[in-house]
Each structure stands twice: as C-alpha cells, then as structure tokens.
Amino acid sequence: MLALARLFLAVALLAVANLPQAARARDATPSPEVAWRLLDYIAVDYPGAVSKGRIISEAEYAEMREFSASVRSRIGGLPASSAKPQLLTEANALIASVDQRAEPADVARQARTLATDLLKAYPVPLAPQQAPDLARGAALYAEQCASCHGAGGKCDGPNAKGLEPPPIAFTDLARARERSLFGLYQVIGQGLDGTAMASFAHLSSEDRWALAYYVGSLAYSREAERAGEQAWRAGPQMRGVVPDLQALTQTTPAALAARVGEPQANQLMAYLRRHPEAVATQSAGGLDVARQKLAQSLAAYRAGDRKRAEELALSAYLDGFEPVEPLLRARDGALMAKVEGAMGELRASLNRGAPPAEVAA
C-alpha cells in the first residue's frame, strides 16, 4: 500500500511538472483557441437556428454554417499532429450535420466532442492558477459589462437597446448550463465577431478569470448555492466529482448533470462558481496530506509497525489522492493502468513480509 501511494504521488508531481513545458510548447505554435470558441458557440446556439429539421432563423443558420466551415479551416492551419487527420474528419462530419439540419442534441454532441479532442491534441490553459477573486470580478463587471448586460446580468443595460444580436442574458439558466467557465473566459479575452462584444484582452489573465467566474455565477440562486454547500461538505463523493479548478472551469453544468443528476449539478455549480476557493483548497490540501501521511507511513514501517504503516498509507490515498484521481486518470490512463497492476504485486509483497527497503522502493 505504501508503494502504491508513492506511485500516486509520482503521478501527481509528474502532471504538475509537465504544465510549464506544455505552456512553453503553446507559446511556439498557433493557438487553437478561436476554433474551440467557435465550437462552443455552435454547441450553445445551434438550437436557435434549427428545430426538428427546419430552419427557424435564417441568420442564425447562416452563422452556424459559417462557423462550422471556419472550424475546419482553422484546424487545417494548425501544426502537423498525429491527431490532426481525425480532427479534420470530425470537423467535416460537423459541417455535414449542420448542412443536413441535424437535431440540436446531435450537433451539440459533435461540437463538444471535437472541442475536447482539439484541446487534447493542442493544449491551451484551461483553468486559473489560483481561485479567482469574485469581488474583483463583480467590480469589473459593474465597470466594464453592466452598461450592456445589465447590473444583474438580465440583458437590460442602458446600452443594450438596439444592439443586434442583443447582449447575452447571464441569468438564462438554460443557456448557462451549456456554457463552461473556460468558454466565458475565451469570449472575454477574444470578443465575439459579428456582435458588440469587444475583446477585453487588455485585462490581466487573473482579472479575466475573475470576471468569467462572476458572470458564470449569475444564473444561480442563493438557495441553490446553500444546498450546494451542504452537499459539498457532506462527504468526499461530490468532492471527487469536481476535484480541482481545471475540472470546475472546463465542465459545463449539463455535463455535470449527466453524472450526478440535474438538481445536484445545479446546486454544486451554484456553490462552487461562487466559492472556487473550496476546490482550490481541496486540491492543494490533497497533495500536502499525501506527503505528510506517506512520510509517517514509511517511518512506521521502518520501525516495524506494519499495521500502522498500512493505515497511514491508506489514508494518504483516500484523503490525499482519491479526490484528484479522476484528473490523474484523464491525464494518463496508461500510467494509471500500470498503477492498478502494481497493486497486486504490492499486496503479494506485503503478504510475504517484504523488508522495508523493498516496500519503500
């Protein structure tokens, strides 16, 4: 069990260590962020263009066709990658679905799948480095956004009249459930072509994340927030579903609902989008707890207290790594499979009373 826990620690440290390298690689290559943003827009807004195989808005439908073609063009311009042919195949399939006026659920699924595959092949920053400051986000919103989107996000600001298309109503829960915080961050940074939404790239990354989290919280009631806090504090199950800021930032409420059910997803998002520090503290605390427990476990085993060592190693895993295991598995499934195989070998070693040096290795 000790060796297993140490392997989990190695996985976590490896994942963290690789982030700066990935960031450096991004700096040297064209960004796929615009293509991702267009896919997010298609997934959210296609229902306003087509319903039951019929065009319900010529303007929206023309935009969907334009955007899907642009996605293919932009992917084609990205650097060579073993994943690029498959991405282009998916992009062509999306274009065909839009041309054939496919059902919104099918188009949304294709767009989301392509967006996910795109970021796997060409990674970009998916989450803030630390919990965003929502008080700062509220101040920025009042200063930069309320004149169009309204003080409460209801699309009723003094400058909204006459804008076509109209500003987004951030209080629209149906729309909010399809939009990730990462998607909001992208739009804030790059603006939205063909609309009055300008780029706010002049803001720092921290300010844009604060604004995205604040805007992403406006659709949720305080009652839902309180219920979400109770669910979050009740036990580790919900904390395992949203293990860190990356998961919170990238996951749409609709995707979370597919895992835990609609009411609970709504409540969790209401709480965590307003209190991202709860997730950030959990992620950092998990590694700290694991390191502490592993050191204590190894000391107990060397002292001959095998039972105490096993208890501490188990605690390092359950209290330190279980909450972030979904992220580790998503980042390197092959390595996680090797860890699972090592579990059997470790149990055999413990059963035969292996010496401390062998277990520590």
Protein backbone atom coordinates (compact mmCIF):
# COMPACT_ATOMS: atom_id res chain seq x y z
CA MET A 1 0.00 0.00 0.00
CA LEU A 2 2.90 2.34 0.72
CA ALA A 3 4.43 1.79 -2.70
CA LEU A 4 1.02 2.35 -4.31
CA ALA A 5 0.56 5.63 -2.50
CA ARG A 6 4.01 6.75 -3.54
CA LEU A 7 3.18 5.93 -7.14
CA PHE A 8 0.12 8.17 -6.92
CA LEU A 9 2.35 10.92 -5.57
CA ALA A 10 4.71 10.47 -8.51
CA VAL A 11 1.80 10.71 -10.94
CA ALA A 12 0.56 13.93 -9.37
CA LEU A 13 4.00 15.52 -9.30
CA LEU A 14 4.63 14.47 -12.89
CA ALA A 15 1.36 16.05 -14.00
CA VAL A 16 2.24 19.30 -12.24
CA ALA A 17 5.81 19.28 -13.56
CA ASN A 18 4.62 18.89 -17.15
CA LEU A 19 2.44 22.00 -17.10
CA PRO A 20 5.20 24.59 -17.65
CA GLN A 21 6.59 22.51 -20.53
CA ALA A 22 3.15 22.38 -22.14
CA ALA A 23 2.82 26.12 -21.68
CA ARG A 24 6.16 26.67 -23.42
CA ALA A 25 5.04 24.48 -26.33
CA ARG A 26 1.88 26.55 -26.69
CA ASP A 27 3.89 29.72 -26.98
CA ALA A 28 5.71 28.33 -30.05
CA THR A 29 2.63 27.26 -32.02
CA PRO A 30 -0.52 28.90 -33.41
CA SER A 31 -3.37 28.80 -30.94
CA PRO A 32 -6.48 26.64 -31.48
CA GLU A 33 -8.46 28.82 -29.09
CA VAL A 34 -10.58 30.52 -31.76
CA ALA A 35 -11.64 27.15 -33.22
CA TRP A 36 -12.55 25.97 -29.71
CA ARG A 37 -14.59 29.12 -29.11
CA LEU A 38 -16.49 28.66 -32.36
CA LEU A 39 -17.30 25.06 -31.42
CA ASP A 40 -18.56 26.20 -28.04
CA TYR A 41 -20.73 28.80 -29.77
CA ILE A 42 -22.16 26.20 -32.17
CA ALA A 43 -22.99 23.80 -29.32
CA VAL A 44 -24.84 26.50 -27.40
CA ASP A 45 -26.57 28.46 -30.18
CA TYR A 46 -27.44 25.89 -32.87
CA PRO A 47 -30.89 25.24 -31.28
CA GLY A 48 -31.74 28.83 -32.17
CA ALA A 49 -31.14 28.05 -35.84
CA VAL A 50 -32.69 24.61 -36.40
CA SER A 51 -35.53 22.67 -34.79
CA LYS A 52 -36.88 19.31 -35.95
CA GLY A 53 -35.04 19.56 -39.23
CA ARG A 54 -36.41 23.01 -40.07
CA ILE A 55 -34.59 26.34 -40.16
CA ILE A 56 -36.17 28.65 -37.59
CA SER A 57 -33.74 31.55 -38.10
CA GLU A 58 -32.06 32.11 -41.46
CA ALA A 59 -29.50 34.46 -39.91
CA GLU A 60 -28.58 32.04 -37.13
CA TYR A 61 -28.39 29.12 -39.56
CA ALA A 62 -26.10 31.04 -41.92
CA GLU A 63 -23.88 31.77 -38.94
CA MET A 64 -23.77 28.11 -37.93
CA ARG A 65 -22.68 27.12 -41.44
CA GLU A 66 -20.06 29.85 -41.49
CA PHE A 67 -18.70 28.90 -38.08
CA SER A 68 -18.53 25.17 -38.80
CA ALA A 69 -16.63 25.85 -42.04
CA SER A 70 -14.30 28.20 -40.17
CA VAL A 71 -13.56 25.50 -37.60
CA ARG A 72 -12.41 23.13 -40.33
CA SER A 73 -10.28 25.84 -41.94
CA ARG A 74 -8.64 26.78 -38.64
CA ILE A 75 -7.89 23.17 -37.72
CA GLY A 76 -6.36 22.73 -41.15
CA GLY A 77 -3.97 25.59 -40.40
CA LEU A 78 -2.71 24.10 -37.14
CA PRO A 79 0.75 22.45 -36.95
CA ALA A 80 1.08 18.82 -38.01
CA SER A 81 -0.08 16.31 -35.41
CA SER A 82 -0.97 12.62 -35.40
CA ALA A 83 -4.42 13.70 -34.21
CA LYS A 84 -4.97 16.28 -36.94
CA PRO A 85 -6.48 13.92 -39.58
CA GLN A 86 -9.07 12.71 -37.08
CA LEU A 87 -9.87 16.28 -36.08
CA LEU A 88 -10.47 17.19 -39.72
CA THR A 89 -12.69 14.13 -40.13
CA GLU A 90 -14.76 15.24 -37.13
CA ALA A 91 -14.90 18.79 -38.50
CA ASN A 92 -16.19 17.53 -41.86
CA ALA A 93 -18.83 15.44 -40.08
CA LEU A 94 -19.95 18.52 -38.13
CA ILE A 95 -20.26 20.53 -41.34
CA ALA A 96 -22.36 17.75 -42.88
CA SER A 97 -24.65 17.65 -39.85
CA VAL A 98 -25.19 21.41 -39.97
CA ASP A 99 -25.83 21.27 -43.73
CA GLN A 100 -28.35 18.45 -43.20
CA ARG A 101 -30.09 20.39 -40.42
CA ALA A 102 -29.44 17.65 -37.86
CA GLU A 103 -31.05 17.70 -34.44
CA PRO A 104 -29.53 20.21 -31.97
CA ALA A 105 -28.57 17.48 -29.49
CA ASP A 106 -26.56 15.67 -32.17
CA VAL A 107 -24.81 18.82 -33.37
CA ALA A 108 -24.01 19.85 -29.79
CA ARG A 109 -22.53 16.41 -29.08
CA GLN A 110 -20.36 16.55 -32.20
CA ALA A 111 -19.18 20.08 -31.43
CA ARG A 112 -18.36 19.24 -27.81
CA THR A 113 -16.51 16.07 -28.79
CA LEU A 114 -14.45 17.89 -31.40
CA ALA A 115 -13.71 20.70 -28.93
CA THR A 116 -12.47 18.18 -26.35
CA ASP A 117 -10.35 16.32 -28.89
CA LEU A 118 -8.94 19.61 -30.15
CA LEU A 119 -7.68 20.59 -26.71
CA LYS A 120 -6.20 17.15 -26.16
CA ALA A 121 -4.19 17.48 -29.35
CA TYR A 122 -3.34 21.19 -28.96
CA PRO A 123 -3.46 22.05 -25.23
CA VAL A 124 -4.24 25.56 -24.03
CA PRO A 125 -4.62 26.89 -20.44
CA LEU A 126 -7.87 25.50 -19.12
CA ALA A 127 -8.04 26.99 -15.65
CA PRO A 128 -6.74 29.79 -13.43
CA GLN A 129 -3.62 29.18 -11.37
CA GLN A 130 -5.49 30.07 -8.17
CA ALA A 131 -9.07 30.63 -7.06
CA PRO A 132 -10.43 33.76 -8.80
CA ASP A 133 -11.44 36.77 -6.72
CA LEU A 134 -15.19 37.14 -7.27
CA ALA A 135 -15.27 40.51 -5.50
CA ARG A 136 -12.82 41.74 -8.11
CA GLY A 137 -14.97 40.10 -10.79
CA ALA A 138 -18.07 41.94 -9.53
CA ALA A 139 -16.25 45.28 -9.63
CA LEU A 140 -15.00 44.64 -13.16
CA TYR A 141 -18.48 43.60 -14.27
CA ALA A 142 -20.04 46.81 -12.94
CA GLU A 143 -17.34 48.85 -14.64
CA GLN A 144 -16.99 47.06 -17.98
CA CYS A 145 -20.12 44.98 -18.64
CA ALA A 146 -23.24 46.23 -16.84
CA SER A 147 -23.98 49.01 -19.35
CA CYS A 148 -24.92 46.35 -21.91
CA HIS A 149 -25.62 43.16 -19.98
CA GLY A 150 -27.41 44.89 -17.08
CA ALA A 151 -26.47 45.23 -13.44
CA GLY A 152 -27.87 41.79 -12.64
CA GLY A 153 -26.97 40.14 -15.95
CA LYS A 154 -30.52 40.28 -17.37
CA CYS A 155 -29.59 41.92 -20.69
CA ASP A 156 -31.26 45.17 -19.66
CA GLY A 157 -28.37 47.63 -19.51
CA PRO A 158 -28.86 51.19 -20.83
CA ASN A 159 -26.70 50.45 -23.90
CA ALA A 160 -28.44 47.18 -24.79
CA LYS A 161 -31.29 48.78 -26.72
CA GLY A 162 -30.87 48.42 -30.46
CA LEU A 163 -27.94 46.00 -30.33
CA GLU A 164 -28.27 43.14 -32.81
CA PRO A 165 -27.76 40.47 -31.75
CA PRO A 166 -28.71 41.53 -28.22
CA PRO A 167 -26.26 41.03 -25.35
CA ILE A 168 -26.31 37.68 -23.58
CA ALA A 169 -28.59 37.36 -20.54
CA PHE A 170 -26.31 35.71 -18.00
CA THR A 171 -29.32 34.86 -15.83
CA ASP A 172 -30.64 32.48 -18.51
CA LEU A 173 -30.14 29.13 -16.74
CA ALA A 174 -30.88 27.05 -19.84
CA ARG A 175 -28.07 28.77 -21.69
CA ALA A 176 -25.74 28.83 -18.69
CA ARG A 177 -25.94 25.06 -18.27
CA GLU A 178 -24.33 24.62 -21.70
CA ARG A 179 -21.50 27.08 -21.16
CA SER A 180 -18.26 26.32 -19.29
CA LEU A 181 -16.30 28.93 -17.40
CA PHE A 182 -13.47 28.33 -19.84
CA GLY A 183 -15.84 29.28 -22.67
CA LEU A 184 -16.71 32.52 -20.91
CA TYR A 185 -13.03 33.27 -20.33
CA GLN A 186 -12.34 32.76 -24.04
CA VAL A 187 -15.08 35.15 -25.12
CA ILE A 188 -13.96 37.78 -22.61
CA GLY A 189 -10.43 37.62 -23.93
CA GLN A 190 -11.18 37.46 -27.64
CA GLY A 191 -14.55 39.13 -28.05
CA LEU A 192 -17.19 37.77 -30.42
CA ASP A 193 -17.11 38.60 -34.12
CA GLY A 194 -20.33 39.95 -35.58
CA THR A 195 -21.57 41.26 -32.22
CA ALA A 196 -21.00 44.27 -29.98
CA MET A 197 -18.97 42.04 -27.64
CA ALA A 198 -15.45 43.51 -27.73
CA SER A 199 -12.23 41.85 -26.63
CA PHE A 200 -11.06 42.52 -23.09
CA ALA A 201 -7.59 41.15 -23.75
CA HIS A 202 -6.18 44.29 -22.13
CA LEU A 203 -7.26 42.89 -18.77
CA SER A 204 -4.84 40.62 -16.96
CA SER A 205 -5.45 36.88 -17.04
CA GLU A 206 -6.38 37.00 -13.34
CA ASP A 207 -8.96 39.71 -13.98
CA ARG A 208 -10.45 37.82 -16.93
CA TRP A 209 -10.79 34.67 -14.83
CA ALA A 210 -12.39 36.69 -12.01
CA LEU A 211 -14.85 38.18 -14.49
CA ALA A 212 -15.62 34.78 -16.05
CA TYR A 213 -16.35 33.20 -12.66
CA TYR A 214 -18.53 36.13 -11.59
CA VAL A 215 -20.52 36.11 -14.85
CA GLY A 216 -20.82 32.32 -14.64
CA SER A 217 -22.43 32.58 -11.21
CA LEU A 218 -25.25 34.98 -12.16
CA ALA A 219 -27.70 32.29 -13.32
CA TYR A 220 -27.78 30.56 -9.92
CA SER A 221 -29.93 31.37 -6.90
CA ARG A 222 -28.68 31.79 -3.36
CA GLU A 223 -30.96 28.95 -2.32
CA ALA A 224 -29.22 26.62 -4.77
CA GLU A 225 -25.87 27.88 -3.50
CA ARG A 226 -26.73 26.96 0.10
CA ALA A 227 -27.90 23.49 -0.93
CA GLY A 228 -24.71 23.02 -2.94
CA GLU A 229 -22.57 23.96 0.04
CA GLN A 230 -24.32 21.34 2.17
CA ALA A 231 -23.75 18.67 -0.49
CA TRP A 232 -20.11 19.66 -0.88
CA ARG A 233 -19.42 19.49 2.84
CA ALA A 234 -21.40 16.30 3.40
CA GLY A 235 -18.73 13.90 2.15
CA PRO A 236 -15.97 13.10 -0.33
CA GLN A 237 -18.22 11.78 -3.12
CA MET A 238 -19.10 15.19 -4.53
CA ARG A 239 -15.58 16.48 -3.99
CA GLY A 240 -14.34 13.65 -6.18
CA VAL A 241 -16.64 14.74 -9.00
CA VAL A 242 -15.05 18.21 -9.10
CA PRO A 243 -11.51 17.53 -7.87
CA ASP A 244 -9.78 20.76 -8.88
CA LEU A 245 -10.05 24.14 -10.59
CA GLN A 246 -9.47 22.65 -14.03
CA ALA A 247 -12.46 20.34 -13.69
CA LEU A 248 -14.63 23.17 -12.35
CA THR A 249 -13.53 25.53 -15.10
CA GLN A 250 -13.84 23.14 -18.04
CA THR A 251 -17.00 21.22 -17.09
CA THR A 252 -20.36 22.50 -18.27
CA PRO A 253 -23.30 22.23 -15.86
CA ALA A 254 -25.02 19.97 -18.40
CA ALA A 255 -22.06 17.56 -18.40
CA LEU A 256 -22.03 17.54 -14.61
CA ALA A 257 -25.77 16.84 -14.58
CA ALA A 258 -25.17 13.74 -16.71
CA ARG A 259 -23.01 12.41 -13.87
CA VAL A 260 -24.81 13.45 -10.69
CA GLY A 261 -28.33 14.48 -11.79
CA GLU A 262 -29.84 17.85 -12.64
CA PRO A 263 -30.77 19.22 -9.19
CA GLN A 264 -27.45 18.33 -7.59
CA ALA A 265 -25.40 19.63 -10.54
CA ASN A 266 -27.27 22.93 -10.39
CA GLN A 267 -26.61 23.21 -6.66
CA LEU A 268 -22.92 22.29 -6.90
CA MET A 269 -22.33 24.80 -9.68
CA ALA A 270 -24.17 27.48 -7.72
CA TYR A 271 -21.85 26.95 -4.76
CA LEU A 272 -18.52 26.25 -6.47
CA ARG A 273 -18.74 29.02 -9.06
CA ARG A 274 -19.21 31.49 -6.22
CA HIS A 275 -16.66 29.76 -3.97
CA PRO A 276 -13.86 28.38 -6.16
CA GLU A 277 -11.56 28.56 -3.15
CA ALA A 278 -13.31 25.42 -1.85
CA VAL A 279 -11.94 23.45 -4.82
CA ALA A 280 -8.54 25.15 -4.83
CA THR A 281 -8.04 24.41 -1.13
CA GLN A 282 -9.04 20.80 -1.67
CA SER A 283 -6.52 20.29 -4.49
CA ALA A 284 -3.59 21.81 -2.62
CA GLY A 285 -4.56 20.13 0.62
CA GLY A 286 -4.71 16.73 -1.03
CA LEU A 287 -1.05 16.77 -2.01
CA ASP A 288 0.01 18.14 1.36
CA VAL A 289 -1.93 15.44 3.20
CA ALA A 290 -0.49 12.73 0.96
CA ARG A 291 3.10 13.86 1.50
CA GLN A 292 2.62 14.01 5.25
CA LYS A 293 0.92 10.63 5.51
CA LEU A 294 3.46 8.93 3.26
CA ALA A 295 6.38 10.17 5.36
CA GLN A 296 4.65 8.92 8.52
CA SER A 297 3.83 5.59 6.88
CA LEU A 298 7.40 4.93 5.81
CA ALA A 299 8.68 5.81 9.29
CA ALA A 300 6.18 3.39 10.88
CA TYR A 301 7.15 0.57 8.51
CA ARG A 302 10.86 1.05 9.20
CA ALA A 303 10.04 0.92 12.90
CA GLY A 304 8.40 -2.47 12.41
CA ASP A 305 4.80 -1.30 12.86
CA ARG A 306 3.34 -2.75 9.67
CA LYS A 307 -0.29 -2.25 10.68
CA ARG A 308 0.22 1.44 11.44
CA ALA A 309 2.16 1.85 8.17
CA GLU A 310 -0.69 0.35 6.14
CA GLU A 311 -3.25 2.57 7.87
CA LEU A 312 -1.23 5.69 7.13
CA ALA A 313 -0.59 4.68 3.51
CA LEU A 314 -4.29 4.03 3.03
CA SER A 315 -5.06 7.45 4.50
CA ALA A 316 -2.56 9.06 2.10
CA TYR A 317 -4.51 7.57 -0.79
CA LEU A 318 -8.07 8.08 0.47
CA ASP A 319 -7.60 11.53 1.97
CA GLY A 320 -4.93 12.84 -0.41
CA PHE A 321 -5.35 11.22 -3.82
CA GLU A 322 -8.86 9.89 -4.17
CA PRO A 323 -10.32 13.39 -4.70
CA VAL A 324 -7.94 14.04 -7.64
CA GLU A 325 -7.86 10.51 -9.06
CA PRO A 326 -10.32 11.33 -11.90
CA LEU A 327 -7.97 14.05 -13.13
CA LEU A 328 -4.92 11.78 -12.94
CA ARG A 329 -6.71 9.06 -14.84
CA ALA A 330 -7.81 11.51 -17.51
CA ARG A 331 -4.29 12.83 -17.96
CA ASP A 332 -2.56 9.45 -18.29
CA GLY A 333 -4.83 6.42 -18.43
CA ALA A 334 -1.95 4.09 -19.39
CA LEU A 335 0.05 5.06 -16.33
CA MET A 336 -2.99 4.59 -14.11
CA ALA A 337 -3.40 1.08 -15.56
CA LYS A 338 0.20 0.32 -14.57
CA VAL A 339 -0.51 1.58 -11.06
CA GLU A 340 -3.52 -0.72 -10.82
CA GLY A 341 -1.35 -3.65 -11.90
CA ALA A 342 1.21 -2.73 -9.25
CA MET A 343 -1.47 -3.06 -6.60
CA GLY A 344 -1.50 -6.85 -6.95
CA GLU A 345 2.28 -7.05 -6.82
CA LEU A 346 2.35 -4.86 -3.73
CA ARG A 347 -0.21 -6.99 -1.90
CA ALA A 348 1.91 -10.05 -2.62
CA SER A 349 4.99 -8.30 -1.22
CA LEU A 350 3.20 -7.30 1.98
CA ASN A 351 1.74 -10.77 2.45
CA ARG A 352 5.19 -12.36 2.35
CA GLY A 353 6.59 -9.79 4.80
CA ALA A 354 8.90 -7.94 2.45
CA PRO A 355 11.69 -5.89 4.07
CA PRO A 356 11.15 -2.11 4.44
CA ALA A 357 13.64 -1.29 1.66
CA GLU A 358 11.65 -3.32 -0.88
CA VAL A 359 8.33 -1.76 0.08
CA ALA A 360 9.79 1.76 0.05
CA ALA A 361 11.16 1.18 -3.45
